[in-house]
Amino acid sequence: QPSGESRPIIDNGKCLSCGKCIPRCPLGAINDKIEFIPMSRFLDSGIPVYAAVAPAAAGQFGRGGTMGKLRSALKSIGFADMLEVALFADMVTLKEADEFNKLVKSEDDFLITSCCCPVWVNLLVRHYGTLYERLTKTVSPMIASGRVIKTISPVCKTVFIGPCVAKKAEAKHPELKGAVDYVLTFSELAEVFRALDIDLERMPEDNKEQSSSGGRTYARTGGVSEAVRVPLERIAPGRTVEFKAIQANGVTECKELLDKIKSGSLEANFIEGMGCEGGCVGGPRTNIDTAEGRKCVEEYGSRASFTNPIDNINVRQLLKHLEDLEKEHFDRLLLR
């Protein structure tokens, strides 16, 4: 909004943390805080540092820069290991399917997702408060990854790597902080690799099959809806209320969708919103354009051994590993 000094100022009460203003500022006066330097001091401290990498990473570091090679590169600079956030998206998917089944009982009921997009959540909180109670109670895959990693390895640091500036604010949210210690963007990590002369395509493969196709395609618009549909059909095959999903991407389209909900003119009951056009593949800190990012994510998803989260044996093994936790404690790992 304009100020009395003929220069724009940021109204933090309305800001969605989407990061779109950063490249558009003609003076380059807006920037997000880079967290690599404070994070890097832990890489040789003896404290294990785990990288949780967003599924939108597919293709972001070169066509030959696979997840296995990215894992090798991160280990080479001091990370203990790399985990795919898509694995935790699989866990979140099962939780959302269960939540939908319990909450959407009539034709008038609906559930708002996507928990994975902080811009969408901020839009609801700051501009559509009356709809906020309809938002899923499930945390984002990023927060789920940090909480689960720290449950298994309490003395560690967690670093989320993704395309999103808003994730930096999400990690520091009073209700969510502590799960993820640092957030790096794809563009920041690319600069680190250049500075260290790391060519991802020349790194050795260190493959670990962790996630399903459904978890991997969270990175583009419609991915969450598609992922939730199959588990819902499996856990509640006799549902009388049909699963009817609709998606919006980009802030303008998201607002239009939420306005339709408020007016009562929307017939869908599973509402998916992504703050960036195209979804996470269109984030402000990507290294490739949105169309190429979507193509790479689709290919990444098609190579998964598991089609859907409910069939992912890694999710079952992870849940078994956590079975000694009290149910209430485990539920809190995945809930806001």
Protein backbone atom coordinates (compact mmCIF):
# COMPACT_ATOMS: atom_id res chain seq x y z
CA GLN A 1 0.00 0.00 0.00
CA PRO A 2 1.25 3.59 -0.60
CA SER A 3 2.79 5.58 2.24
CA GLY A 4 2.85 9.32 2.84
CA GLU A 5 6.37 9.41 1.41
CA SER A 6 5.31 8.25 -2.08
CA ARG A 7 6.84 4.82 -1.63
CA PRO A 8 5.11 1.51 -1.05
CA ILE A 9 5.13 -0.13 2.35
CA ILE A 10 4.23 -3.68 3.33
CA ASP A 11 1.09 -4.11 5.43
CA ASN A 12 2.10 -7.12 7.51
CA GLY A 13 -1.49 -7.63 8.59
CA LYS A 14 -2.45 -8.40 5.00
CA CYS A 15 0.81 -9.91 3.71
CA LEU A 16 0.54 -13.58 2.67
CA SER A 17 4.35 -14.13 2.64
CA CYS A 18 4.06 -15.36 -0.95
CA GLY A 19 7.31 -13.68 -2.01
CA LYS A 20 5.91 -12.36 -5.29
CA CYS A 21 6.92 -8.80 -4.40
CA ILE A 22 10.62 -9.71 -4.22
CA PRO A 23 11.36 -9.98 -7.96
CA ARG A 24 8.87 -7.22 -8.80
CA CYS A 25 10.46 -4.49 -6.69
CA PRO A 26 12.20 -2.19 -9.24
CA LEU A 27 14.87 -1.19 -6.71
CA GLY A 28 15.59 -4.70 -5.45
CA ALA A 29 14.86 -3.42 -1.95
CA ILE A 30 12.86 -6.45 -0.78
CA ASN A 31 14.49 -9.72 0.13
CA ASP A 32 13.95 -12.74 2.31
CA LYS A 33 16.41 -13.78 4.99
CA ILE A 34 18.92 -16.37 3.80
CA GLU A 35 19.43 -19.03 6.47
CA PHE A 36 22.30 -21.05 4.99
CA ILE A 37 25.08 -19.27 6.91
CA PRO A 38 23.62 -19.81 10.42
CA MET A 39 22.65 -23.36 9.42
CA SER A 40 26.08 -24.24 8.01
CA ARG A 41 27.80 -24.01 11.40
CA PHE A 42 26.00 -27.21 12.42
CA LEU A 43 27.25 -29.23 9.44
CA ASP A 44 30.55 -30.05 11.15
CA SER A 45 29.38 -29.70 14.76
CA GLY A 46 28.77 -33.38 15.45
CA ILE A 47 25.01 -32.74 15.60
CA PRO A 48 23.26 -34.59 12.75
CA VAL A 49 21.59 -32.28 10.24
CA TYR A 50 18.82 -33.76 8.11
CA ALA A 51 17.60 -32.27 4.84
CA ALA A 52 13.89 -32.58 4.07
CA VAL A 53 13.51 -31.89 0.36
CA ALA A 54 10.23 -30.83 -1.24
CA PRO A 55 8.94 -32.91 -4.19
CA ALA A 56 9.14 -29.84 -6.43
CA ALA A 57 12.93 -30.42 -6.41
CA ALA A 58 12.55 -32.72 -9.41
CA GLY A 59 14.49 -31.15 -12.28
CA GLN A 60 15.44 -28.02 -10.32
CA PHE A 61 19.17 -28.81 -10.42
CA GLY A 62 19.44 -30.08 -13.98
CA ARG A 63 17.64 -32.81 -15.87
CA GLY A 64 20.21 -35.34 -14.69
CA GLY A 65 20.09 -34.11 -11.12
CA THR A 66 18.05 -36.94 -9.61
CA MET A 67 16.93 -37.20 -6.00
CA GLY A 68 19.65 -39.81 -5.47
CA LYS A 69 22.32 -37.43 -6.73
CA LEU A 70 20.88 -34.60 -4.66
CA ARG A 71 21.18 -36.84 -1.60
CA SER A 72 24.86 -37.49 -2.44
CA ALA A 73 25.53 -33.78 -2.91
CA LEU A 74 23.91 -32.85 0.41
CA LYS A 75 25.84 -35.56 2.23
CA SER A 76 29.06 -34.29 0.66
CA ILE A 77 28.62 -30.90 2.33
CA GLY A 78 27.85 -32.35 5.75
CA PHE A 79 24.20 -33.39 5.93
CA ALA A 80 23.60 -36.69 7.74
CA ASP A 81 20.95 -37.70 5.22
CA MET A 82 18.19 -36.43 2.97
CA LEU A 83 14.53 -37.39 3.26
CA GLU A 84 11.84 -36.77 0.68
CA VAL A 85 9.07 -34.57 2.02
CA ALA A 86 6.85 -36.57 -0.35
CA LEU A 87 7.11 -39.43 2.17
CA PHE A 88 5.52 -37.20 4.79
CA ALA A 89 3.00 -35.97 2.22
CA ASP A 90 1.97 -39.63 2.00
CA MET A 91 1.42 -39.68 5.77
CA VAL A 92 -0.51 -36.40 5.66
CA THR A 93 -2.65 -37.74 2.80
CA LEU A 94 -3.86 -40.66 4.90
CA LYS A 95 -4.66 -38.27 7.75
CA GLU A 96 -6.62 -35.94 5.46
CA ALA A 97 -8.56 -38.84 3.94
CA ASP A 98 -9.55 -39.93 7.44
CA GLU A 99 -10.41 -36.35 8.39
CA PHE A 100 -12.59 -35.90 5.30
CA ASN A 101 -14.39 -39.18 6.00
CA LYS A 102 -15.20 -38.10 9.56
CA LEU A 103 -16.19 -34.48 8.86
CA VAL A 104 -17.96 -34.52 5.50
CA LYS A 105 -21.19 -36.36 6.27
CA SER A 106 -23.77 -34.39 4.29
CA GLU A 107 -24.03 -32.54 0.99
CA ASP A 108 -23.57 -29.25 2.87
CA ASP A 109 -20.27 -30.22 4.50
CA PHE A 110 -16.86 -29.47 3.04
CA LEU A 111 -13.17 -29.60 3.98
CA ILE A 112 -10.62 -27.00 2.95
CA THR A 113 -7.09 -28.09 2.14
CA SER A 114 -4.19 -27.69 1.14
CA CYS A 115 -2.35 -27.78 4.39
CA CYS A 116 0.90 -27.81 2.41
CA CYS A 117 0.59 -24.18 1.22
CA PRO A 118 1.22 -21.46 3.84
CA VAL A 119 0.11 -18.73 1.42
CA TRP A 120 -3.32 -20.37 1.15
CA VAL A 121 -3.50 -20.78 4.93
CA ASN A 122 -2.49 -17.13 5.46
CA LEU A 123 -5.16 -16.06 2.98
CA LEU A 124 -7.79 -17.90 4.99
CA VAL A 125 -6.57 -16.59 8.35
CA ARG A 126 -6.18 -12.94 7.33
CA HIS A 127 -8.94 -12.44 4.79
CA TYR A 128 -11.49 -15.26 5.15
CA GLY A 129 -11.61 -15.86 8.88
CA THR A 130 -15.14 -17.27 8.81
CA LEU A 131 -13.93 -20.16 6.64
CA TYR A 132 -10.84 -20.95 8.70
CA GLU A 133 -12.71 -23.44 10.90
CA ARG A 134 -13.28 -25.54 7.76
CA LEU A 135 -9.53 -25.84 7.14
CA THR A 136 -8.00 -29.26 7.67
CA LYS A 137 -6.35 -29.69 11.07
CA THR A 138 -3.48 -31.62 9.48
CA VAL A 139 -0.08 -29.91 9.41
CA SER A 140 1.90 -29.43 6.22
CA PRO A 141 4.22 -32.20 5.01
CA MET A 142 7.13 -29.90 5.89
CA ILE A 143 6.08 -29.63 9.54
CA ALA A 144 5.25 -33.35 9.65
CA SER A 145 8.74 -34.16 8.35
CA GLY A 146 10.45 -32.08 11.02
CA ARG A 147 8.32 -33.45 13.85
CA VAL A 148 8.78 -37.08 12.84
CA ILE A 149 12.52 -36.73 12.25
CA LYS A 150 12.97 -35.10 15.66
CA THR A 151 10.83 -37.76 17.33
CA ILE A 152 13.16 -40.44 15.97
CA SER A 153 16.36 -38.40 16.38
CA PRO A 154 15.74 -35.83 19.17
CA VAL A 155 19.24 -34.31 19.06
CA CYS A 156 19.37 -33.11 15.47
CA LYS A 157 18.73 -30.15 13.22
CA THR A 158 16.20 -30.21 10.40
CA VAL A 159 16.44 -28.18 7.20
CA PHE A 160 13.60 -27.87 4.70
CA ILE A 161 14.64 -27.27 1.09
CA GLY A 162 11.95 -26.06 -1.29
CA PRO A 163 10.74 -23.39 -3.73
CA CYS A 164 8.80 -21.33 -1.22
CA VAL A 165 9.59 -18.11 0.67
CA ALA A 166 6.46 -18.48 2.82
CA LYS A 167 7.87 -21.68 4.33
CA LYS A 168 10.37 -19.54 6.26
CA ALA A 169 7.52 -17.82 8.07
CA GLU A 170 5.61 -21.09 8.54
CA ALA A 171 8.62 -22.70 10.24
CA LYS A 172 8.63 -19.84 12.78
CA HIS A 173 4.87 -19.78 13.42
CA PRO A 174 4.26 -19.92 17.21
CA GLU A 175 2.12 -23.06 16.92
CA LEU A 176 4.54 -24.84 14.58
CA LYS A 177 8.04 -23.67 15.46
CA GLY A 178 10.62 -26.20 16.55
CA ALA A 179 9.82 -28.77 13.88
CA VAL A 180 12.04 -27.22 11.20
CA ASP A 181 15.12 -25.27 12.23
CA TYR A 182 16.10 -23.74 8.89
CA VAL A 183 14.58 -23.24 5.45
CA LEU A 184 16.61 -23.05 2.25
CA THR A 185 15.15 -22.37 -1.18
CA PHE A 186 16.10 -24.11 -4.40
CA SER A 187 17.74 -20.95 -5.73
CA GLU A 188 19.79 -20.56 -2.54
CA LEU A 189 20.93 -24.19 -2.68
CA ALA A 190 21.89 -23.77 -6.34
CA GLU A 191 24.13 -20.85 -5.31
CA VAL A 192 25.72 -23.03 -2.61
CA PHE A 193 26.43 -25.78 -5.14
CA ARG A 194 27.96 -23.26 -7.54
CA ALA A 195 30.15 -21.77 -4.80
CA LEU A 196 31.38 -25.25 -3.82
CA ASP A 197 31.80 -26.33 -7.46
CA ILE A 198 29.33 -29.20 -7.06
CA ASP A 199 27.88 -30.49 -10.33
CA LEU A 200 24.84 -32.49 -9.32
CA GLU A 201 24.75 -34.46 -12.55
CA ARG A 202 28.22 -35.84 -11.80
CA MET A 203 27.42 -36.96 -8.28
CA PRO A 204 26.96 -40.69 -7.56
CA GLU A 205 23.44 -42.05 -7.18
CA ASP A 206 22.28 -42.66 -3.61
CA ASN A 207 18.75 -43.84 -4.20
CA LYS A 208 16.23 -44.61 -1.47
CA GLU A 209 12.70 -45.37 -2.57
CA GLN A 210 10.67 -43.43 -0.01
CA SER A 211 7.50 -41.94 -1.46
CA SER A 212 4.51 -42.73 -3.64
CA SER A 213 3.47 -41.08 -6.87
CA GLY A 214 0.67 -39.36 -4.94
CA GLY A 215 3.07 -37.77 -2.45
CA ARG A 216 5.42 -36.64 -5.22
CA THR A 217 2.73 -34.89 -7.24
CA TYR A 218 1.71 -32.74 -4.26
CA ALA A 219 4.08 -30.30 -5.95
CA ARG A 220 1.59 -29.29 -8.61
CA THR A 221 -2.00 -28.09 -8.59
CA GLY A 222 -4.47 -30.93 -8.14
CA GLY A 223 -1.93 -33.31 -6.65
CA VAL A 224 -3.40 -33.26 -3.15
CA SER A 225 -6.93 -33.99 -4.37
CA GLU A 226 -5.75 -36.89 -6.51
CA ALA A 227 -3.67 -38.34 -3.66
CA VAL A 228 -6.54 -38.21 -1.14
CA ARG A 229 -9.15 -39.77 -3.41
CA VAL A 230 -7.80 -43.36 -3.45
CA PRO A 231 -7.20 -43.79 0.32
CA LEU A 232 -10.68 -42.38 0.92
CA GLU A 233 -12.20 -44.95 -1.43
CA ARG A 234 -10.27 -47.70 0.34
CA ILE A 235 -11.06 -46.74 3.94
CA ALA A 236 -14.70 -45.82 3.26
CA PRO A 237 -15.90 -47.72 0.18
CA GLY A 238 -19.57 -47.33 1.10
CA ARG A 239 -19.65 -43.53 1.52
CA THR A 240 -22.96 -41.96 0.53
CA VAL A 241 -21.50 -38.46 0.07
CA GLU A 242 -19.34 -38.40 -3.04
CA PHE A 243 -15.82 -36.92 -2.97
CA LYS A 244 -16.00 -33.80 -5.16
CA ALA A 245 -12.75 -31.87 -5.41
CA ILE A 246 -11.97 -28.48 -6.87
CA GLN A 247 -8.65 -26.66 -7.12
CA ALA A 248 -7.44 -23.08 -7.37
CA ASN A 249 -3.92 -21.84 -7.99
CA GLY A 250 -2.53 -18.34 -7.74
CA VAL A 251 -3.78 -15.83 -5.16
CA THR A 252 -6.37 -14.25 -7.48
CA GLU A 253 -7.96 -17.59 -8.36
CA CYS A 254 -7.84 -18.67 -4.71
CA LYS A 255 -9.74 -15.55 -3.67
CA GLU A 256 -12.36 -16.15 -6.34
CA LEU A 257 -12.83 -19.72 -5.12
CA LEU A 258 -13.18 -18.65 -1.48
CA ASP A 259 -15.68 -15.95 -2.46
CA LYS A 260 -17.78 -18.64 -4.16
CA ILE A 261 -17.70 -20.72 -0.98
CA LYS A 262 -18.88 -17.73 1.07
CA SER A 263 -21.72 -17.07 -1.36
CA GLY A 264 -22.83 -20.70 -1.18
CA SER A 265 -22.49 -21.21 -4.93
CA LEU A 266 -19.84 -23.93 -4.83
CA GLU A 267 -20.84 -27.59 -5.08
CA ALA A 268 -17.45 -29.20 -4.32
CA ASN A 269 -16.65 -30.59 -0.85
CA PHE A 270 -12.84 -30.92 -0.99
CA ILE A 271 -11.32 -27.48 -1.61
CA GLU A 272 -7.64 -27.40 -2.62
CA GLY A 273 -5.78 -24.09 -2.84
CA MET A 274 -2.22 -23.30 -3.91
CA GLY A 275 -0.89 -19.75 -3.60
CA CYS A 276 1.44 -20.04 -6.59
CA GLU A 277 0.27 -20.55 -10.16
CA GLY A 278 0.80 -24.18 -11.04
CA GLY A 279 1.35 -25.09 -7.39
CA CYS A 280 4.75 -25.43 -5.72
CA VAL A 281 6.43 -25.88 -9.11
CA GLY A 282 5.57 -22.21 -9.70
CA GLY A 283 7.15 -21.02 -6.45
CA PRO A 284 9.17 -17.78 -6.28
CA ARG A 285 12.49 -19.51 -5.59
CA THR A 286 12.57 -22.17 -8.30
CA ASN A 287 15.40 -22.60 -10.80
CA ILE A 288 13.27 -23.59 -13.82
CA ASP A 289 9.99 -22.33 -15.25
CA THR A 290 6.63 -23.64 -14.08
CA ALA A 291 5.84 -25.75 -17.15
CA GLU A 292 9.21 -27.51 -17.01
CA GLY A 293 8.84 -27.98 -13.26
CA ARG A 294 5.44 -29.62 -13.67
CA LYS A 295 6.80 -31.92 -16.38
CA CYS A 296 9.71 -32.98 -14.16
CA VAL A 297 7.38 -33.62 -11.20
CA GLU A 298 5.08 -35.74 -13.36
CA GLU A 299 8.06 -37.82 -14.49
CA TYR A 300 9.31 -38.08 -10.90
CA GLY A 301 5.87 -39.27 -9.83
CA SER A 302 5.62 -41.83 -12.64
CA ARG A 303 8.87 -43.49 -11.49
CA ALA A 304 7.58 -44.22 -7.98
CA SER A 305 7.23 -47.87 -7.01
CA PHE A 306 4.01 -47.05 -5.12
CA THR A 307 1.11 -45.46 -6.95
CA ASN A 308 -0.70 -44.14 -3.90
CA PRO A 309 0.19 -43.30 -0.28
CA ILE A 310 -1.99 -46.09 1.12
CA ASP A 311 0.19 -48.65 -0.68
CA ASN A 312 3.52 -47.17 0.44
CA ILE A 313 5.24 -49.76 2.65
CA ASN A 314 7.63 -47.08 3.91
CA VAL A 315 4.72 -45.27 5.54
CA ARG A 316 3.65 -48.48 7.27
CA GLN A 317 7.21 -49.15 8.45
CA LEU A 318 7.55 -45.59 9.74
CA LEU A 319 4.28 -45.84 11.63
CA LYS A 320 5.42 -49.14 13.12
CA HIS A 321 8.68 -47.50 14.19
CA LEU A 322 6.63 -44.89 16.03
CA GLU A 323 4.12 -47.34 17.53
CA ASP A 324 5.61 -47.07 21.02
CA LEU A 325 4.24 -43.52 21.20
CA GLU A 326 0.90 -42.98 22.87
CA LYS A 327 -1.83 -42.44 20.31
CA GLU A 328 -2.48 -38.89 21.51
CA HIS A 329 1.20 -38.04 21.08
CA PHE A 330 1.35 -39.51 17.60
CA ASP A 331 -1.78 -37.65 16.52
CA ARG A 332 -0.18 -34.39 17.63
CA LEU A 333 2.72 -34.99 15.23
CA LEU A 334 0.36 -34.52 12.31
CA LEU A 335 -2.08 -31.95 13.72
CA ARG A 336 -1.98 -28.18 14.10
